[in-house]
Amino acid sequence: MAMGQRPAQRQADLWIATDRLAPAPAHAFYQQLNALLAAAGFDLFC
């Protein structure tokens, strides 16, 4: 078997713009926690 070179193959770029990605679903616990903290004014406190 002869030692040769394979033809050059270029892999396509793997690039996805972040603004085209679907948002991940939020967890119900963290939604309720954020609502509770917002109602208590926690962000203003910190």
N, C-alpha and C. Protein backbone atom coordinates (compact mmCIF):
# COMPACT_ATOMS: atom_id res chain seq x y z
N MET A 1 0.84 -1.17 0.00
CA MET A 1 0.00 0.00 0.00
C MET A 1 0.88 1.23 0.00
N ALA A 2 0.60 2.16 -0.84
CA ALA A 2 1.42 3.35 -0.97
C ALA A 2 1.03 4.39 0.07
N MET A 3 2.06 5.12 0.52
CA MET A 3 1.82 6.21 1.44
C MET A 3 1.56 7.47 0.63
N GLY A 4 0.43 8.03 0.79
CA GLY A 4 0.09 9.22 0.03
C GLY A 4 -0.59 10.23 0.92
N GLN A 5 -1.08 11.25 0.32
CA GLN A 5 -1.79 12.28 1.06
C GLN A 5 -3.26 12.23 0.68
N ARG A 6 -4.07 12.44 1.67
CA ARG A 6 -5.50 12.49 1.41
C ARG A 6 -5.83 13.83 0.79
N PRO A 7 -6.87 13.88 0.00
CA PRO A 7 -7.29 15.19 -0.52
C PRO A 7 -7.73 16.08 0.63
N ALA A 8 -7.41 17.33 0.53
CA ALA A 8 -7.74 18.29 1.60
C ALA A 8 -9.25 18.41 1.73
N GLN A 9 -9.74 18.17 2.93
CA GLN A 9 -11.16 18.34 3.22
C GLN A 9 -11.27 19.38 4.32
N ARG A 10 -12.11 20.35 4.10
CA ARG A 10 -12.29 21.41 5.09
C ARG A 10 -13.64 21.23 5.75
N GLN A 11 -13.62 21.24 7.06
CA GLN A 11 -14.86 21.12 7.82
C GLN A 11 -15.59 22.46 7.79
N ALA A 12 -16.89 22.39 7.64
CA ALA A 12 -17.70 23.61 7.63
C ALA A 12 -17.64 24.28 9.01
N ASP A 13 -17.73 25.59 9.00
CA ASP A 13 -17.71 26.33 10.25
C ASP A 13 -18.93 25.98 11.09
N LEU A 14 -18.70 25.84 12.37
CA LEU A 14 -19.78 25.55 13.30
C LEU A 14 -20.04 26.81 14.10
N TRP A 15 -20.90 27.66 13.59
CA TRP A 15 -21.16 28.96 14.19
C TRP A 15 -22.66 29.21 14.17
N ILE A 16 -23.19 29.50 15.35
CA ILE A 16 -24.60 29.84 15.47
C ILE A 16 -24.68 31.15 16.24
N ALA A 17 -25.34 32.13 15.68
CA ALA A 17 -25.49 33.41 16.37
C ALA A 17 -26.38 33.21 17.60
N THR A 18 -25.97 33.79 18.71
CA THR A 18 -26.71 33.59 19.96
C THR A 18 -28.11 34.19 19.92
N ASP A 19 -28.33 35.19 19.10
CA ASP A 19 -29.67 35.78 19.05
C ASP A 19 -30.66 34.88 18.29
N ARG A 20 -30.15 33.84 17.61
CA ARG A 20 -31.03 32.92 16.89
C ARG A 20 -31.34 31.66 17.70
N LEU A 21 -30.73 31.52 18.88
CA LEU A 21 -30.98 30.36 19.72
C LEU A 21 -32.29 30.52 20.47
N ALA A 22 -32.99 29.43 20.66
CA ALA A 22 -34.23 29.47 21.42
C ALA A 22 -33.89 29.59 22.91
N PRO A 23 -34.64 30.39 23.65
CA PRO A 23 -34.36 30.50 25.08
C PRO A 23 -34.68 29.20 25.80
N ALA A 24 -33.89 28.89 26.79
CA ALA A 24 -34.13 27.69 27.58
C ALA A 24 -35.32 27.92 28.52
N PRO A 25 -36.11 26.90 28.75
CA PRO A 25 -37.23 27.09 29.67
C PRO A 25 -36.73 27.31 31.08
N ALA A 26 -37.38 28.21 31.79
CA ALA A 26 -36.99 28.52 33.16
C ALA A 26 -37.61 27.50 34.11
N HIS A 27 -36.95 27.29 35.20
CA HIS A 27 -37.45 26.36 36.22
C HIS A 27 -38.45 27.11 37.09
N ALA A 28 -39.54 26.46 37.44
CA ALA A 28 -40.62 27.11 38.20
C ALA A 28 -40.13 27.60 39.55
N PHE A 29 -39.22 26.87 40.19
CA PHE A 29 -38.71 27.30 41.50
C PHE A 29 -38.02 28.65 41.40
N TYR A 30 -37.17 28.81 40.39
CA TYR A 30 -36.43 30.07 40.25
C TYR A 30 -37.32 31.21 39.79
N GLN A 31 -38.36 30.91 39.04
CA GLN A 31 -39.32 31.96 38.67
C GLN A 31 -40.01 32.50 39.92
N GLN A 32 -40.44 31.60 40.79
CA GLN A 32 -41.11 32.03 42.02
C GLN A 32 -40.14 32.73 42.97
N LEU A 33 -38.90 32.24 43.04
CA LEU A 33 -37.90 32.88 43.89
C LEU A 33 -37.61 34.30 43.41
N ASN A 34 -37.46 34.48 42.12
CA ASN A 34 -37.20 35.82 41.57
C ASN A 34 -38.37 36.75 41.83
N ALA A 35 -39.59 36.24 41.72
CA ALA A 35 -40.77 37.07 42.01
C ALA A 35 -40.80 37.47 43.48
N LEU A 36 -40.48 36.53 44.36
CA LEU A 36 -40.47 36.80 45.79
C LEU A 36 -39.40 37.84 46.15
N LEU A 37 -38.23 37.69 45.59
CA LEU A 37 -37.14 38.63 45.87
C LEU A 37 -37.44 40.02 45.30
N ALA A 38 -38.07 40.06 44.12
CA ALA A 38 -38.43 41.35 43.54
C ALA A 38 -39.49 42.05 44.38
N ALA A 39 -40.46 41.28 44.88
CA ALA A 39 -41.52 41.88 45.72
C ALA A 39 -40.95 42.42 47.04
N ALA A 40 -39.90 41.80 47.53
CA ALA A 40 -39.28 42.24 48.79
C ALA A 40 -38.26 43.34 48.58
N GLY A 41 -37.99 43.71 47.32
CA GLY A 41 -37.03 44.77 47.04
C GLY A 41 -35.58 44.33 47.29
N PHE A 42 -35.31 43.08 47.08
CA PHE A 42 -33.97 42.54 47.38
C PHE A 42 -32.90 43.17 46.52
N ASP A 43 -33.18 43.43 45.24
CA ASP A 43 -32.17 44.05 44.36
C ASP A 43 -31.78 45.45 44.85
N LEU A 44 -32.73 46.19 45.32
CA LEU A 44 -32.43 47.53 45.83
C LEU A 44 -31.59 47.45 47.11
N PHE A 45 -31.84 46.41 47.91
CA PHE A 45 -31.11 46.23 49.15
C PHE A 45 -29.63 45.91 48.88
N CYS A 46 -29.41 45.07 47.90
CA CYS A 46 -28.03 44.66 47.58
C CYS A 46 -27.34 45.76 46.81
